[in-house]
Amino acid sequence: MVEIADHVADIVEEVAEEVGKVAEEVADHLPEGGKLQQVATFVENVAKETAKDANVVDEIIEKVLPNTLFSVLALNYLTPYKTIVNCVSMNRFLISG
């Protein structure tokens, strides 16, 4: 599930970057100040923001989510075999790492 979400975020980021490049190229060839140029510039800006957001989501998936999932698994499955202190220490290590 994490791999699929990571892959989707990567694809969204790549597509948004390409759409931004194309929209910028189109805007550069349209009459200055015209409605079509405004639309192309709007699409370019939306695409760039989408690429940034997808990058943030990708970073969260790659860095935060695996540690969070591991922490949940550790707390759920290791607690019967370890002391609470050890689980808390391990959780702090994962979050800080």
Protein backbone atom coordinates (compact mmCIF):
# COMPACT_ATOMS: atom_id res chain seq x y z
CA MET A 1 0.00 0.00 0.00
CA VAL A 2 2.81 2.44 0.88
CA GLU A 3 4.63 1.54 -2.34
CA ILE A 4 1.51 2.26 -4.41
CA ALA A 5 0.96 5.64 -2.74
CA ASP A 6 4.63 6.51 -3.25
CA HIS A 7 4.44 5.52 -6.92
CA VAL A 8 1.26 7.56 -7.47
CA ALA A 9 2.84 10.63 -5.82
CA ASP A 10 5.90 10.25 -8.08
CA ILE A 11 3.73 10.03 -11.19
CA VAL A 12 1.60 13.04 -10.18
CA GLU A 13 4.76 15.06 -9.58
CA GLU A 14 6.28 14.10 -12.96
CA VAL A 15 3.07 14.80 -14.89
CA ALA A 16 2.54 18.14 -13.14
CA GLU A 17 6.11 19.21 -13.91
CA GLU A 18 5.65 18.36 -17.60
CA VAL A 19 2.26 20.12 -17.76
CA GLY A 20 3.90 23.18 -16.21
CA LYS A 21 6.66 23.16 -18.82
CA VAL A 22 4.20 22.80 -21.70
CA ALA A 23 1.90 25.52 -20.32
CA GLU A 24 4.87 27.85 -19.90
CA GLU A 25 5.97 27.19 -23.48
CA VAL A 26 2.44 27.80 -24.78
CA ALA A 27 2.08 31.00 -22.73
CA ASP A 28 5.34 32.32 -24.17
CA HIS A 29 3.95 31.98 -27.72
CA LEU A 30 0.56 33.60 -27.10
CA PRO A 31 -0.22 37.30 -27.43
CA GLU A 32 0.93 39.25 -24.38
CA GLY A 33 -1.89 39.94 -21.92
CA GLY A 34 -4.51 37.98 -23.86
CA LYS A 35 -7.07 35.66 -22.29
CA LEU A 36 -5.40 32.54 -23.69
CA GLN A 37 -2.05 33.56 -22.24
CA GLN A 38 -3.72 34.18 -18.89
CA VAL A 39 -5.26 30.69 -19.00
CA ALA A 40 -1.95 29.10 -19.98
CA THR A 41 -0.17 30.96 -17.17
CA PHE A 42 -2.86 29.87 -14.73
CA VAL A 43 -2.43 26.23 -15.82
CA GLU A 44 1.34 26.61 -15.46
CA ASN A 45 0.99 27.95 -11.91
CA VAL A 46 -1.47 25.24 -10.89
CA ALA A 47 0.83 22.58 -12.33
CA LYS A 48 3.86 23.95 -10.48
CA GLU A 49 1.95 24.03 -7.18
CA THR A 50 0.65 20.52 -7.81
CA ALA A 51 4.21 19.30 -8.42
CA LYS A 52 5.35 20.91 -5.16
CA ASP A 53 2.45 19.35 -3.25
CA ALA A 54 3.11 15.93 -4.80
CA ASN A 55 6.76 16.24 -3.78
CA VAL A 56 5.75 17.00 -0.19
CA VAL A 57 3.36 14.02 -0.18
CA ASP A 58 6.13 11.82 -1.61
CA GLU A 59 8.54 12.93 1.12
CA ILE A 60 5.94 12.24 3.80
CA ILE A 61 5.28 8.79 2.38
CA GLU A 62 8.98 7.96 2.14
CA LYS A 63 10.14 9.41 5.47
CA VAL A 64 7.27 9.68 7.93
CA LEU A 65 4.80 6.97 7.01
CA PRO A 66 7.17 3.97 7.17
CA ASN A 67 8.38 5.06 10.61
CA THR A 68 4.83 5.63 11.79
CA LEU A 69 3.71 2.25 10.51
CA PHE A 70 6.70 0.58 12.10
CA SER A 71 6.02 2.38 15.37
CA VAL A 72 2.42 1.18 15.35
CA LEU A 73 3.54 -2.38 14.62
CA ALA A 74 6.18 -2.18 17.32
CA LEU A 75 3.71 -0.95 19.89
CA ASN A 76 1.08 -3.51 18.89
CA TYR A 77 3.25 -6.59 18.52
CA LEU A 78 6.39 -6.04 20.55
CA THR A 79 4.85 -4.69 23.76
CA PRO A 80 4.02 -8.18 25.12
CA TYR A 81 7.67 -9.15 24.66
CA LYS A 82 9.37 -5.91 25.67
CA THR A 83 8.90 -3.46 28.48
CA ILE A 84 6.96 -0.25 27.86
CA VAL A 85 10.16 1.71 28.41
CA ASN A 86 11.92 -0.11 25.58
CA CYS A 87 9.00 0.51 23.19
CA VAL A 88 8.93 4.21 24.02
CA SER A 89 12.69 4.44 23.51
CA MET A 90 12.42 2.67 20.16
CA ASN A 91 9.57 4.96 19.10
CA ARG A 92 11.61 8.07 19.98
CA PHE A 93 14.56 6.66 18.00
CA LEU A 94 12.38 6.09 14.93
CA ILE A 95 10.79 9.54 15.09
CA SER A 96 14.11 11.34 15.56
CA GLY A 97 15.85 9.30 12.84
